[in-house]
Amino acid sequence: MAKKILLVDDEALVRNYVCRALASRGWEITVTDNGAAALQILAGGNFDAVICDLKMPDMRGEEVIKRIRTLLPAIKIIAITGSVSNIATPLVPGVELEGFLIKPFGIDEIRDLLEKIFKAG
């Protein structure tokens, strides 16, 4: 059965890039450009993973991720960001992430990270 992944990013270019990269693996990708919509989509579906941008205009990615982790504690979460000033600082304080990527990232990077996460269970 194909893995279901929700991609949350306000940049159309990033959504298109990631969607193409992941669809080539046979994964089912749902995309949205904001956190509020992401929470609604997750409430109505059964997803294996979420890839969420940390900087979005409507709701900060950190808040979206905290809400997702509260609602769906077992879901795999990857944060993506274009600005990390200090890698030693937790990207989302108080929330364990399965991974993170810094934009711009390569297609292989995101596919490899997801495959590693899915294999780990």
PDB file of N, CA and C in Angstrom:
ATOM      1  N   MET A   1       0.837  -1.183   0.000  1.00  0.00           N
ATOM      2  CA  MET A   1       0.000   0.000   0.000  1.00  0.00           C
ATOM      3  C   MET A   1       0.885   1.250   0.000  1.00  0.00           C
ATOM      4  N   ALA A   2       0.530   2.210  -0.821  1.00  0.00           N
ATOM      5  CA  ALA A   2       1.323   3.438  -0.946  1.00  0.00           C
ATOM      6  C   ALA A   2       1.256   4.265   0.333  1.00  0.00           C
ATOM      7  N   LYS A   3       2.371   4.853   0.683  1.00  0.00           N
ATOM      8  CA  LYS A   3       2.419   5.750   1.837  1.00  0.00           C
ATOM      9  C   LYS A   3       1.718   7.053   1.474  1.00  0.00           C
ATOM     10  N   LYS A   4       0.982   7.599   2.449  1.00  0.00           N
ATOM     11  CA  LYS A   4       0.281   8.868   2.249  1.00  0.00           C
ATOM     12  C   LYS A   4       1.030   9.968   2.994  1.00  0.00           C
ATOM     13  N   ILE A   5       1.363  11.017   2.259  1.00  0.00           N
ATOM     14  CA  ILE A   5       2.163  12.108   2.807  1.00  0.00           C
ATOM     15  C   ILE A   5       1.440  13.426   2.582  1.00  0.00           C
ATOM     16  N   LEU A   6       1.383  14.248   3.631  1.00  0.00           N
ATOM     17  CA  LEU A   6       0.835  15.598   3.517  1.00  0.00           C
ATOM     18  C   LEU A   6       1.997  16.580   3.483  1.00  0.00           C
ATOM     19  N   LEU A   7       2.023  17.421   2.465  1.00  0.00           N
ATOM     20  CA  LEU A   7       3.042  18.455   2.318  1.00  0.00           C
ATOM     21  C   LEU A   7       2.402  19.806   2.588  1.00  0.00           C
ATOM     22  N   VAL A   8       2.973  20.548   3.536  1.00  0.00           N
ATOM     23  CA  VAL A   8       2.450  21.862   3.912  1.00  0.00           C
ATOM     24  C   VAL A   8       3.543  22.900   3.674  1.00  0.00           C
ATOM     25  N   ASP A   9       3.353  23.743   2.659  1.00  0.00           N
ATOM     26  CA  ASP A   9       4.337  24.788   2.350  1.00  0.00           C
ATOM     27  C   ASP A   9       3.628  25.888   1.568  1.00  0.00           C
ATOM     28  N   ASP A  10       3.896  27.128   1.917  1.00  0.00           N
ATOM     29  CA  ASP A  10       3.236  28.249   1.252  1.00  0.00           C
ATOM     30  C   ASP A  10       3.867  28.603  -0.094  1.00  0.00           C
ATOM     31  N   GLU A  11       4.994  28.027  -0.432  1.00  0.00           N
ATOM     32  CA  GLU A  11       5.669  28.319  -1.699  1.00  0.00           C
ATOM     33  C   GLU A  11       5.292  27.281  -2.756  1.00  0.00           C
ATOM     34  N   ALA A  12       4.641  27.745  -3.825  1.00  0.00           N
ATOM     35  CA  ALA A  12       4.203  26.848  -4.893  1.00  0.00           C
ATOM     36  C   ALA A  12       5.375  26.103  -5.524  1.00  0.00           C
ATOM     37  N   LEU A  13       6.496  26.770  -5.695  1.00  0.00           N
ATOM     38  CA  LEU A  13       7.671  26.136  -6.297  1.00  0.00           C
ATOM     39  C   LEU A  13       8.138  24.943  -5.466  1.00  0.00           C
ATOM     40  N   VAL A  14       8.166  25.102  -4.151  1.00  0.00           N
ATOM     41  CA  VAL A  14       8.575  24.007  -3.257  1.00  0.00           C
ATOM     42  C   VAL A  14       7.552  22.876  -3.320  1.00  0.00           C
ATOM     43  N   ARG A  15       6.266  23.219  -3.278  1.00  0.00           N
ATOM     44  CA  ARG A  15       5.222  22.179  -3.341  1.00  0.00           C
ATOM     45  C   ARG A  15       5.358  21.354  -4.613  1.00  0.00           C
ATOM     46  N   ASN A  16       5.527  22.022  -5.746  1.00  0.00           N
ATOM     47  CA  ASN A  16       5.642  21.311  -7.023  1.00  0.00           C
ATOM     48  C   ASN A  16       6.892  20.438  -7.070  1.00  0.00           C
ATOM     49  N   TYR A  17       8.003  20.968  -6.602  1.00  0.00           N
ATOM     50  CA  TYR A  17       9.286  20.256  -6.595  1.00  0.00           C
ATOM     51  C   TYR A  17       9.203  18.990  -5.743  1.00  0.00           C
ATOM     52  N   VAL A  18       8.712  19.137  -4.525  1.00  0.00           N
ATOM     53  CA  VAL A  18       8.630  18.004  -3.600  1.00  0.00           C
ATOM     54  C   VAL A  18       7.598  16.993  -4.090  1.00  0.00           C
ATOM     55  N   CYS A  19       6.485  17.483  -4.585  1.00  0.00           N
ATOM     56  CA  CYS A  19       5.430  16.585  -5.070  1.00  0.00           C
ATOM     57  C   CYS A  19       5.952  15.694  -6.197  1.00  0.00           C
ATOM     58  N   ARG A  20       6.655  16.279  -7.150  1.00  0.00           N
ATOM     59  CA  ARG A  20       7.225  15.486  -8.250  1.00  0.00           C
ATOM     60  C   ARG A  20       8.219  14.456  -7.727  1.00  0.00           C
ATOM     61  N   ALA A  21       9.053  14.880  -6.792  1.00  0.00           N
ATOM     62  CA  ALA A  21      10.085  13.992  -6.250  1.00  0.00           C
ATOM     63  C   ALA A  21       9.473  12.790  -5.549  1.00  0.00           C
ATOM     64  N   LEU A  22       8.423  13.016  -4.783  1.00  0.00           N
ATOM     65  CA  LEU A  22       7.839  11.938  -3.988  1.00  0.00           C
ATOM     66  C   LEU A  22       6.879  11.072  -4.791  1.00  0.00           C
ATOM     67  N   ALA A  23       6.165  11.670  -5.720  1.00  0.00           N
ATOM     68  CA  ALA A  23       5.233  10.898  -6.543  1.00  0.00           C
ATOM     69  C   ALA A  23       5.979   9.865  -7.380  1.00  0.00           C
ATOM     70  N   SER A  24       7.227  10.157  -7.732  1.00  0.00           N
ATOM     71  CA  SER A  24       8.008   9.210  -8.530  1.00  0.00           C
ATOM     72  C   SER A  24       8.300   7.922  -7.763  1.00  0.00           C
ATOM     73  N   ARG A  25       8.149   7.933  -6.450  1.00  0.00           N
ATOM     74  CA  ARG A  25       8.341   6.740  -5.619  1.00  0.00           C
ATOM     75  C   ARG A  25       7.030   5.963  -5.427  1.00  0.00           C
ATOM     76  N   GLY A  26       5.951   6.504  -5.975  1.00  0.00           N
ATOM     77  CA  GLY A  26       4.669   5.833  -5.836  1.00  0.00           C
ATOM     78  C   GLY A  26       3.912   6.228  -4.581  1.00  0.00           C
ATOM     79  N   TRP A  27       4.413   7.213  -3.869  1.00  0.00           N
ATOM     80  CA  TRP A  27       3.728   7.679  -2.670  1.00  0.00           C
ATOM     81  C   TRP A  27       2.575   8.600  -3.055  1.00  0.00           C
ATOM     82  N   GLU A  28       1.535   8.600  -2.250  1.00  0.00           N
ATOM     83  CA  GLU A  28       0.369   9.449  -2.481  1.00  0.00           C
ATOM     84  C   GLU A  28       0.585  10.775  -1.746  1.00  0.00           C
ATOM     85  N   ILE A  29       0.630  11.868  -2.502  1.00  0.00           N
ATOM     86  CA  ILE A  29       0.960  13.171  -1.938  1.00  0.00           C
ATOM     87  C   ILE A  29      -0.266  14.077  -1.961  1.00  0.00           C
ATOM     88  N   THR A  30      -0.572  14.666  -0.821  1.00  0.00           N
ATOM     89  CA  THR A  30      -1.597  15.699  -0.712  1.00  0.00           C
ATOM     90  C   THR A  30      -0.873  16.980  -0.333  1.00  0.00           C
ATOM     91  N   VAL A  31      -1.240  18.091  -0.972  1.00  0.00           N
ATOM     92  CA  VAL A  31      -0.544  19.347  -0.691  1.00  0.00           C
ATOM     93  C   VAL A  31      -1.518  20.420  -0.230  1.00  0.00           C
ATOM     94  N   THR A  32      -1.006  21.305   0.606  1.00  0.00           N
ATOM     95  CA  THR A  32      -1.739  22.497   1.007  1.00  0.00           C
ATOM     96  C   THR A  32      -0.738  23.608   1.268  1.00  0.00           C
ATOM     97  N   ASP A  33      -1.234  24.834   1.224  1.00  0.00           N
ATOM     98  CA  ASP A  33      -0.338  25.980   1.380  1.00  0.00           C
ATOM     99  C   ASP A  33      -0.454  26.671   2.732  1.00  0.00           C
ATOM    100  N   ASN A  34      -1.221  26.076   3.663  1.00  0.00           N
ATOM    101  CA  ASN A  34      -1.345  26.731   4.970  1.00  0.00           C
ATOM    102  C   ASN A  34      -1.643  25.730   6.080  1.00  0.00           C
ATOM    103  N   GLY A  35      -1.337  26.159   7.291  1.00  0.00           N
ATOM    104  CA  GLY A  35      -1.461  25.292   8.453  1.00  0.00           C
ATOM    105  C   GLY A  35      -2.879  24.931   8.827  1.00  0.00           C
ATOM    106  N   ALA A  36      -3.798  25.887   8.721  1.00  0.00           N
ATOM    107  CA  ALA A  36      -5.191  25.610   9.082  1.00  0.00           C
ATOM    108  C   ALA A  36      -5.771  24.522   8.185  1.00  0.00           C
ATOM    109  N   ALA A  37      -5.506  24.621   6.892  1.00  0.00           N
ATOM    110  CA  ALA A  37      -5.980  23.598   5.957  1.00  0.00           C
ATOM    111  C   ALA A  37      -5.329  22.253   6.248  1.00  0.00           C
ATOM    112  N   ALA A  38      -4.061  22.269   6.619  1.00  0.00           N
ATOM    113  CA  ALA A  38      -3.358  21.022   6.943  1.00  0.00           C
ATOM    114  C   ALA A  38      -4.044  20.296   8.091  1.00  0.00           C
ATOM    115  N   LEU A  39      -4.413  21.030   9.121  1.00  0.00           N
ATOM    116  CA  LEU A  39      -5.078  20.413  10.270  1.00  0.00           C
ATOM    117  C   LEU A  39      -6.425  19.825   9.874  1.00  0.00           C
ATOM    118  N   GLN A  40      -7.162  20.504   8.995  1.00  0.00           N
ATOM    119  CA  GLN A  40      -8.448  19.976   8.519  1.00  0.00           C
ATOM    120  C   GLN A  40      -8.244  18.718   7.688  1.00  0.00           C
ATOM    121  N   ILE A  41      -7.256  18.741   6.817  1.00  0.00           N
ATOM    122  CA  ILE A  41      -6.973  17.579   5.974  1.00  0.00           C
ATOM    123  C   ILE A  41      -6.590  16.379   6.837  1.00  0.00           C
ATOM    124  N   LEU A  42      -5.743  16.596   7.819  1.00  0.00           N
ATOM    125  CA  LEU A  42      -5.310  15.502   8.695  1.00  0.00           C
ATOM    126  C   LEU A  42      -6.461  14.929   9.504  1.00  0.00           C
ATOM    127  N   ALA A  43      -7.414  15.763   9.868  1.00  0.00           N
ATOM    128  CA  ALA A  43      -8.569  15.292  10.638  1.00  0.00           C
ATOM    129  C   ALA A  43      -9.441  14.353   9.809  1.00  0.00           C
ATOM    130  N   GLY A  44      -9.397  14.509   8.490  1.00  0.00           N
ATOM    131  CA  GLY A  44     -10.256  13.701   7.639  1.00  0.00           C
ATOM    132  C   GLY A  44      -9.549  12.590   6.892  1.00  0.00           C
ATOM    133  N   GLY A  45      -8.284  12.380   7.148  1.00  0.00           N
ATOM    134  CA  GLY A  45      -7.554  11.369   6.388  1.00  0.00           C
ATOM    135  C   GLY A  45      -6.607  10.569   7.241  1.00  0.00           C
ATOM    136  N   ASN A  46      -6.063   9.534   6.629  1.00  0.00           N
ATOM    137  CA  ASN A  46      -5.130   8.646   7.312  1.00  0.00           C
ATOM    138  C   ASN A  46      -3.763   8.795   6.648  1.00  0.00           C
ATOM    139  N   PHE A  47      -2.895   9.607   7.235  1.00  0.00           N
ATOM    140  CA  PHE A  47      -1.595   9.902   6.643  1.00  0.00           C
ATOM    141  C   PHE A  47      -0.478   9.215   7.415  1.00  0.00           C
ATOM    142  N   ASP A  48       0.584   8.893   6.679  1.00  0.00           N
ATOM    143  CA  ASP A  48       1.759   8.274   7.286  1.00  0.00           C
ATOM    144  C   ASP A  48       2.793   9.302   7.718  1.00  0.00           C
ATOM    145  N   ALA A  49       2.830  10.437   7.012  1.00  0.00           N
ATOM    146  CA  ALA A  49       3.845  11.450   7.305  1.00  0.00           C
ATOM    147  C   ALA A  49       3.366  12.834   6.899  1.00  0.00           C
ATOM    148  N   VAL A  50       3.972  13.828   7.547  1.00  0.00           N
ATOM    149  CA  VAL A  50       3.731  15.235   7.220  1.00  0.00           C
ATOM    150  C   VAL A  50       5.083  15.900   7.001  1.00  0.00           C
ATOM    151  N   ILE A  51       5.176  16.662   5.934  1.00  0.00           N
ATOM    152  CA  ILE A  51       6.337  17.512   5.689  1.00  0.00           C
ATOM    153  C   ILE A  51       5.821  18.938   5.813  1.00  0.00           C
ATOM    154  N   CYS A  52       6.360  19.689   6.762  1.00  0.00           N
ATOM    155  CA  CYS A  52       5.799  21.004   7.069  1.00  0.00           C
ATOM    156  C   CYS A  52       6.868  22.087   7.087  1.00  0.00           C
ATOM    157  N   ASP A  53       6.617  23.147   6.334  1.00  0.00           N
ATOM    158  CA  ASP A  53       7.491  24.317   6.353  1.00  0.00           C
ATOM    159  C   ASP A  53       7.320  25.031   7.689  1.00  0.00           C
ATOM    160  N   LEU A  54       8.400  25.572   8.209  1.00  0.00           N
ATOM    161  CA  LEU A  54       8.333  26.263   9.499  1.00  0.00           C
ATOM    162  C   LEU A  54       7.910  27.719   9.376  1.00  0.00           C
ATOM    163  N   LYS A  55       8.079  28.306   8.199  1.00  0.00           N
ATOM    164  CA  LYS A  55       7.742  29.725   8.047  1.00  0.00           C
ATOM    165  C   LYS A  55       6.622  29.875   7.028  1.00  0.00           C
ATOM    166  N   MET A  56       5.410  30.101   7.553  1.00  0.00           N
ATOM    167  CA  MET A  56       4.245  30.315   6.705  1.00  0.00           C
ATOM    168  C   MET A  56       3.478  31.514   7.253  1.00  0.00           C
ATOM    169  N   PRO A  57       2.745  32.211   6.380  1.00  0.00           N
ATOM    170  CA  PRO A  57       2.105  33.452   6.815  1.00  0.00           C
ATOM    171  C   PRO A  57       0.900  33.293   7.742  1.00  0.00           C
ATOM    172  N   ASP A  58       0.090  32.274   7.564  1.00  0.00           N
ATOM    173  CA  ASP A  58      -1.152  32.191   8.341  1.00  0.00           C
ATOM    174  C   ASP A  58      -0.948  31.641   9.744  1.00  0.00           C
ATOM    175  N   MET A  59      -0.140  30.622   9.854  1.00  0.00           N
ATOM    176  CA  MET A  59       0.111  29.956  11.130  1.00  0.00           C
ATOM    177  C   MET A  59       1.537  29.431  11.061  1.00  0.00           C
ATOM    178  N   ARG A  60       2.331  29.777  12.031  1.00  0.00           N
ATOM    179  CA  ARG A  60       3.729  29.332  12.019  1.00  0.00           C
ATOM    180  C   ARG A  60       3.800  27.809  12.008  1.00  0.00           C
ATOM    181  N   GLY A  61       4.767  27.295  11.276  1.00  0.00           N
ATOM    182  CA  GLY A  61       4.926  25.855  11.169  1.00  0.00           C
ATOM    183  C   GLY A  61       5.123  25.177  12.508  1.00  0.00           C
ATOM    184  N   GLU A  62       5.793  25.861  13.437  1.00  0.00           N
ATOM    185  CA  GLU A  62       5.995  25.289  14.771  1.00  0.00           C
ATOM    186  C   GLU A  62       4.660  25.000  15.447  1.00  0.00           C
ATOM    187  N   GLU A  63       3.713  25.929  15.299  1.00  0.00           N
ATOM    188  CA  GLU A  63       2.389  25.749  15.899  1.00  0.00           C
ATOM    189  C   GLU A  63       1.634  24.609  15.218  1.00  0.00           C
ATOM    190  N   VAL A  64       1.725  24.557  13.898  1.00  0.00           N
ATOM    191  CA  VAL A  64       1.078  23.478  13.145  1.00  0.00           C
ATOM    192  C   VAL A  64       1.627  22.129  13.603  1.00  0.00           C
ATOM    193  N   ILE A  65       2.943  22.021  13.701  1.00  0.00           N
ATOM    194  CA  ILE A  65       3.581  20.763  14.098  1.00  0.00           C
ATOM    195  C   ILE A  65       3.192  20.373  15.519  1.00  0.00           C
ATOM    196  N   LYS A  66       3.151  21.318  16.428  1.00  0.00           N
ATOM    197  CA  LYS A  66       2.735  21.013  17.807  1.00  0.00           C
ATOM    198  C   LYS A  66       1.312  20.474  17.838  1.00  0.00           C
ATOM    199  N   ARG A  67       0.423  21.088  17.061  1.00  0.00           N
ATOM    200  CA  ARG A  67      -0.974  20.619  17.022  1.00  0.00           C
ATOM    201  C   ARG A  67      -1.074  19.228  16.395  1.00  0.00           C
ATOM    202  N   ILE A  68      -0.308  19.013  15.333  1.00  0.00           N
ATOM    203  CA  ILE A  68      -0.316  17.696  14.689  1.00  0.00           C
ATOM    204  C   ILE A  68       0.165  16.634  15.669  1.00  0.00           C
ATOM    205  N   ARG A  69       1.249  16.910  16.367  1.00  0.00           N
ATOM    206  CA  ARG A  69       1.815  15.932  17.301  1.00  0.00           C
ATOM    207  C   ARG A  69       0.823  15.621  18.422  1.00  0.00           C
ATOM    208  N   THR A  70       0.057  16.621  18.862  1.00  0.00           N
ATOM    209  CA  THR A  70      -0.957  16.403  19.899  1.00  0.00           C
ATOM    210  C   THR A  70      -2.100  15.539  19.370  1.00  0.00           C
ATOM    211  N   LEU A  71      -2.549  15.829  18.161  1.00  0.00           N
ATOM    212  CA  LEU A  71      -3.676  15.101  17.576  1.00  0.00           C
ATOM    213  C   LEU A  71      -3.291  13.705  17.097  1.00  0.00           C
ATOM    214  N   LEU A  72      -2.092  13.581  16.536  1.00  0.00           N
ATOM    215  CA  LEU A  72      -1.641  12.324  15.931  1.00  0.00           C
ATOM    216  C   LEU A  72      -0.224  12.016  16.402  1.00  0.00           C
ATOM    217  N   PRO A  73      -0.078  11.514  17.621  1.00  0.00           N
ATOM    218  CA  PRO A  73       1.254  11.333  18.196  1.00  0.00           C
ATOM    219  C   PRO A  73       2.166  10.381  17.418  1.00  0.00           C
ATOM    220  N   ALA A  74       1.609   9.462  16.651  1.00  0.00           N
ATOM    221  CA  ALA A  74       2.435   8.470  15.958  1.00  0.00           C
ATOM    222  C   ALA A  74       2.840   8.883  14.544  1.00  0.00           C
ATOM    223  N   ILE A  75       2.274   9.963  14.025  1.00  0.00           N
ATOM    224  CA  ILE A  75       2.578  10.353  12.647  1.00  0.00           C
ATOM    225  C   ILE A  75       4.030  10.822  12.534  1.00  0.00           C
ATOM    226  N   LYS A  76       4.636  10.545  11.401  1.00  0.00           N
ATOM    227  CA  LYS A  76       6.014  10.960  11.137  1.00  0.00           C
ATOM    228  C   LYS A  76       5.998  12.416  10.667  1.00  0.00           C
ATOM    229  N   ILE A  77       6.873  13.249  11.247  1.00  0.00           N
ATOM    230  CA  ILE A  77       6.902  14.667  10.893  1.00  0.00           C
ATOM    231  C   ILE A  77       8.313  15.083  10.500  1.00  0.00           C
ATOM    232  N   ILE A  78       8.389  15.725   9.341  1.00  0.00           N
ATOM    233  CA  ILE A  78       9.635  16.314   8.860  1.00  0.00           C
ATOM    234  C   ILE A  78       9.403  17.811   8.729  1.00  0.00           C
ATOM    235  N   ALA A  79      10.282  18.596   9.313  1.00  0.00           N
ATOM    236  CA  ALA A  79      10.226  20.049   9.171  1.00  0.00           C
ATOM    237  C   ALA A  79      11.166  20.466   8.048  1.00  0.00           C
ATOM    238  N   ILE A  80      10.730  21.456   7.279  1.00  0.00           N
ATOM    239  CA  ILE A  80      11.606  22.040   6.272  1.00  0.00           C
ATOM    240  C   ILE A  80      11.678  23.541   6.523  1.00  0.00           C
ATOM    241  N   THR A  81      12.843  24.104   6.288  1.00  0.00           N
ATOM    242  CA  THR A  81      13.020  25.526   6.549  1.00  0.00           C
ATOM    243  C   THR A  81      14.104  26.098   5.652  1.00  0.00           C
ATOM    244  N   GLY A  82      13.967  27.370   5.379  1.00  0.00           N
ATOM    245  CA  GLY A  82      14.970  28.059   4.586  1.00  0.00           C
ATOM    246  C   GLY A  82      15.952  28.835   5.432  1.00  0.00           C
ATOM    247  N   SER A  83      15.689  28.882   6.734  1.00  0.00           N
ATOM    248  CA  SER A  83      16.574  29.677   7.596  1.00  0.00           C
ATOM    249  C   SER A  83      16.765  29.015   8.946  1.00  0.00           C
ATOM    250  N   VAL A  84      17.940  28.481   9.136  1.00  0.00           N
ATOM    251  CA  VAL A  84      18.292  27.913  10.428  1.00  0.00           C
ATOM    252  C   VAL A  84      19.515  28.672  10.913  1.00  0.00           C
ATOM    253  N   SER A  85      19.310  29.478  11.942  1.00  0.00           N
ATOM    254  CA  SER A  85      20.425  30.279  12.441  1.00  0.00           C
ATOM    255  C   SER A  85      21.323  29.475  13.368  1.00  0.00           C
ATOM    256  N   ASN A  86      20.727  28.502  14.052  1.00  0.00           N
ATOM    257  CA  ASN A  86      21.522  27.708  14.989  1.00  0.00           C
ATOM    258  C   ASN A  86      20.985  26.282  15.003  1.00  0.00           C
ATOM    259  N   ILE A  87      21.663  25.396  14.321  1.00  0.00           N
ATOM    260  CA  ILE A  87      21.222  24.005  14.213  1.00  0.00           C
ATOM    261  C   ILE A  87      21.107  23.332  15.574  1.00  0.00           C
ATOM    262  N   ALA A  88      21.878  23.771  16.550  1.00  0.00           N
ATOM    263  CA  ALA A  88      21.837  23.151  17.878  1.00  0.00           C
ATOM    264  C   ALA A  88      20.529  23.443  18.602  1.00  0.00           C
ATOM    265  N   THR A  89      19.819  24.488  18.203  1.00  0.00           N
ATOM    266  CA  THR A  89      18.543  24.845  18.823  1.00  0.00           C
ATOM    267  C   THR A  89      17.453  23.957  18.237  1.00  0.00           C
ATOM    268  N   PRO A  90      16.584  23.395  19.068  1.00  0.00           N
ATOM    269  CA  PRO A  90      15.489  22.589  18.517  1.00  0.00           C
ATOM    270  C   PRO A  90      14.630  23.426  17.568  1.00  0.00           C
ATOM    271  N   LEU A  91      14.282  22.852  16.430  1.00  0.00           N
ATOM    272  CA  LEU A  91      13.458  23.579  15.471  1.00  0.00           C
ATOM    273  C   LEU A  91      12.065  23.822  16.015  1.00  0.00           C
ATOM    274  N   VAL A  92      11.535  22.839  16.717  1.00  0.00           N
ATOM    275  CA  VAL A  92      10.220  22.963  17.341  1.00  0.00           C
ATOM    276  C   VAL A  92      10.386  22.528  18.791  1.00  0.00           C
ATOM    277  N   PRO A  93      10.643  23.475  19.677  1.00  0.00           N
ATOM    278  CA  PRO A  93      10.884  23.121  21.084  1.00  0.00           C
ATOM    279  C   PRO A  93       9.755  22.278  21.677  1.00  0.00           C
ATOM    280  N   GLY A  94      10.140  21.192  22.339  1.00  0.00           N
ATOM    281  CA  GLY A  94       9.171  20.323  22.994  1.00  0.00           C
ATOM    282  C   GLY A  94       8.541  19.276  22.101  1.00  0.00           C
ATOM    283  N   VAL A  95       8.923  19.241  20.834  1.00  0.00           N
ATOM    284  CA  VAL A  95       8.341  18.280  19.896  1.00  0.00           C
ATOM    285  C   VAL A  95       9.468  17.519  19.207  1.00  0.00           C
ATOM    286  N   GLU A  96       9.391  16.196  19.271  1.00  0.00           N
ATOM    287  CA  GLU A  96      10.387  15.374  18.586  1.00  0.00           C
ATOM    288  C   GLU A  96       9.996  15.223  17.123  1.00  0.00           C
ATOM    289  N   LEU A  97      10.927  15.541  16.251  1.00  0.00           N
ATOM    290  CA  LEU A  97      10.722  15.400  14.815  1.00  0.00           C
ATOM    291  C   LEU A  97      11.463  14.169  14.317  1.00  0.00           C
ATOM    292  N   GLU A  98      10.948  13.566  13.262  1.00  0.00           N
ATOM    293  CA  GLU A  98      11.644  12.437  12.651  1.00  0.00           C
ATOM    294  C   GLU A  98      12.782  12.922  11.761  1.00  0.00           C
ATOM    295  N   GLY A  99      12.728  14.187  11.366  1.00  0.00           N
ATOM    296  CA  GLY A  99      13.792  14.730  10.541  1.00  0.00           C
ATOM    297  C   GLY A  99      13.527  16.165  10.155  1.00  0.00           C
ATOM    298  N   PHE A 100      14.543  16.788   9.571  1.00  0.00           N
ATOM    299  CA  PHE A 100      14.380  18.140   9.037  1.00  0.00           C
ATOM    300  C   PHE A 100      15.328  18.325   7.867  1.00  0.00           C
ATOM    301  N   LEU A 101      14.941  19.221   6.990  1.00  0.00           N
ATOM    302  CA  LEU A 101      15.764  19.554   5.833  1.00  0.00           C
ATOM    303  C   LEU A 101      15.831  21.063   5.695  1.00  0.00           C
ATOM    304  N   ILE A 102      16.976  21.539   5.241  1.00  0.00           N
ATOM    305  CA  ILE A 102      17.165  22.964   5.020  1.00  0.00           C
ATOM    306  C   ILE A 102      17.054  23.243   3.524  1.00  0.00           C
ATOM    307  N   LYS A 103      16.185  24.185   3.163  1.00  0.00           N
ATOM    308  CA  LYS A 103      16.028  24.588   1.769  1.00  0.00           C
ATOM    309  C   LYS A 103      17.259  25.375   1.329  1.00  0.00           C
ATOM    310  N   PRO A 104      17.687  25.207   0.107  1.00  0.00           N
ATOM    311  CA  PRO A 104      17.187  24.254  -0.876  1.00  0.00           C
ATOM    312  C   PRO A 104      17.779  22.865  -0.628  1.00  0.00           C
ATOM    313  N   PHE A 105      16.965  21.863  -0.737  1.00  0.00           N
ATOM    314  CA  PHE A 105      17.427  20.487  -0.560  1.00  0.00           C
ATOM    315  C   PHE A 105      17.223  19.730  -1.863  1.00  0.00           C
ATOM    316  N   GLY A 106      17.967  18.659  -2.016  1.00  0.00           N
ATOM    317  CA  GLY A 106      17.886  17.863  -3.232  1.00  0.00           C
ATOM    318  C   GLY A 106      16.764  16.838  -3.173  1.00  0.00           C
ATOM    319  N   ILE A 107      16.340  16.415  -4.344  1.00  0.00           N
ATOM    320  CA  ILE A 107      15.281  15.409  -4.444  1.00  0.00           C
ATOM    321  C   ILE A 107      15.682  14.141  -3.704  1.00  0.00           C
ATOM    322  N   ASP A 108      16.920  13.715  -3.888  1.00  0.00           N
ATOM    323  CA  ASP A 108      17.379  12.499  -3.216  1.00  0.00           C
ATOM    324  C   ASP A 108      17.361  12.647  -1.702  1.00  0.00           C
ATOM    325  N   GLU A 109      17.661  13.839  -1.203  1.00  0.00           N
ATOM    326  CA  GLU A 109      17.670  14.057   0.249  1.00  0.00           C
ATOM    327  C   GLU A 109      16.307  13.783   0.868  1.00  0.00           C
ATOM    328  N   ILE A 110      15.260  14.325   0.266  1.00  0.00           N
ATOM    329  CA  ILE A 110      13.932  14.158   0.858  1.00  0.00           C
ATOM    330  C   ILE A 110      13.430  12.730   0.675  1.00  0.00           C
ATOM    331  N   ARG A 111      13.697  12.133  -0.483  1.00  0.00           N
ATOM    332  CA  ARG A 111      13.279  10.741  -0.688  1.00  0.00           C
ATOM    333  C   ARG A 111      14.016   9.805   0.259  1.00  0.00           C
ATOM    334  N   ASP A 112      15.323   9.999   0.394  1.00  0.00           N
ATOM    335  CA  ASP A 112      16.112   9.139   1.283  1.00  0.00           C
ATOM    336  C   ASP A 112      15.669   9.270   2.734  1.00  0.00           C
ATOM    337  N   LEU A 113      15.382  10.495   3.168  1.00  0.00           N
ATOM    338  CA  LEU A 113      14.935  10.710   4.543  1.00  0.00           C
ATOM    339  C   LEU A 113      13.606  10.011   4.795  1.00  0.00           C
ATOM    340  N   LEU A 114      12.666  10.146   3.882  1.00  0.00           N
ATOM    341  CA  LEU A 114      11.373   9.476   4.052  1.00  0.00           C
ATOM    342  C   LEU A 114      11.525   7.959   4.046  1.00  0.00           C
ATOM    343  N   GLU A 115      12.326   7.429   3.146  1.00  0.00           N
ATOM    344  CA  GLU A 115      12.531   5.979   3.109  1.00  0.00           C
ATOM    345  C   GLU A 115      13.132   5.483   4.417  1.00  0.00           C
ATOM    346  N   LYS A 116      14.086   6.217   4.952  1.00  0.00           N
ATOM    347  CA  LYS A 116      14.702   5.857   6.234  1.00  0.00           C
ATOM    348  C   LYS A 116      13.660   5.870   7.358  1.00  0.00           C
ATOM    349  N   ILE A 117      12.842   6.892   7.385  1.00  0.00           N
ATOM    350  CA  ILE A 117      11.806   7.016   8.423  1.00  0.00           C
ATOM    351  C   ILE A 117      10.786   5.889   8.304  1.00  0.00           C
ATOM    352  N   PHE A 118      10.346   5.598   7.085  1.00  0.00           N
ATOM    353  CA  PHE A 118       9.350   4.542   6.899  1.00  0.00           C
ATOM    354  C   PHE A 118       9.923   3.166   7.242  1.00  0.00           C
ATOM    355  N   LYS A 119      11.182   2.921   6.925  1.00  0.00           N
ATOM    356  CA  LYS A 119      11.805   1.638   7.268  1.00  0.00           C
ATOM    357  C   LYS A 119      11.955   1.471   8.773  1.00  0.00           C
ATOM    358  N   ALA A 120      12.213   2.590   9.464  1.00  0.00           N
ATOM    359  CA  ALA A 120      12.386   2.544  10.922  1.00  0.00           C
ATOM    360  C   ALA A 120      11.074   2.242  11.639  1.00  0.00           C
ATOM    361  N   GLY A 121       9.979   2.421  10.929  1.00  0.00           N
ATOM    362  CA  GLY A 121       8.687   2.119  11.551  1.00  0.00           C
ATOM    363  C   GLY A 121       8.074   3.340  12.052  1.00  0.00           C
TER     364      GLY A 121
END
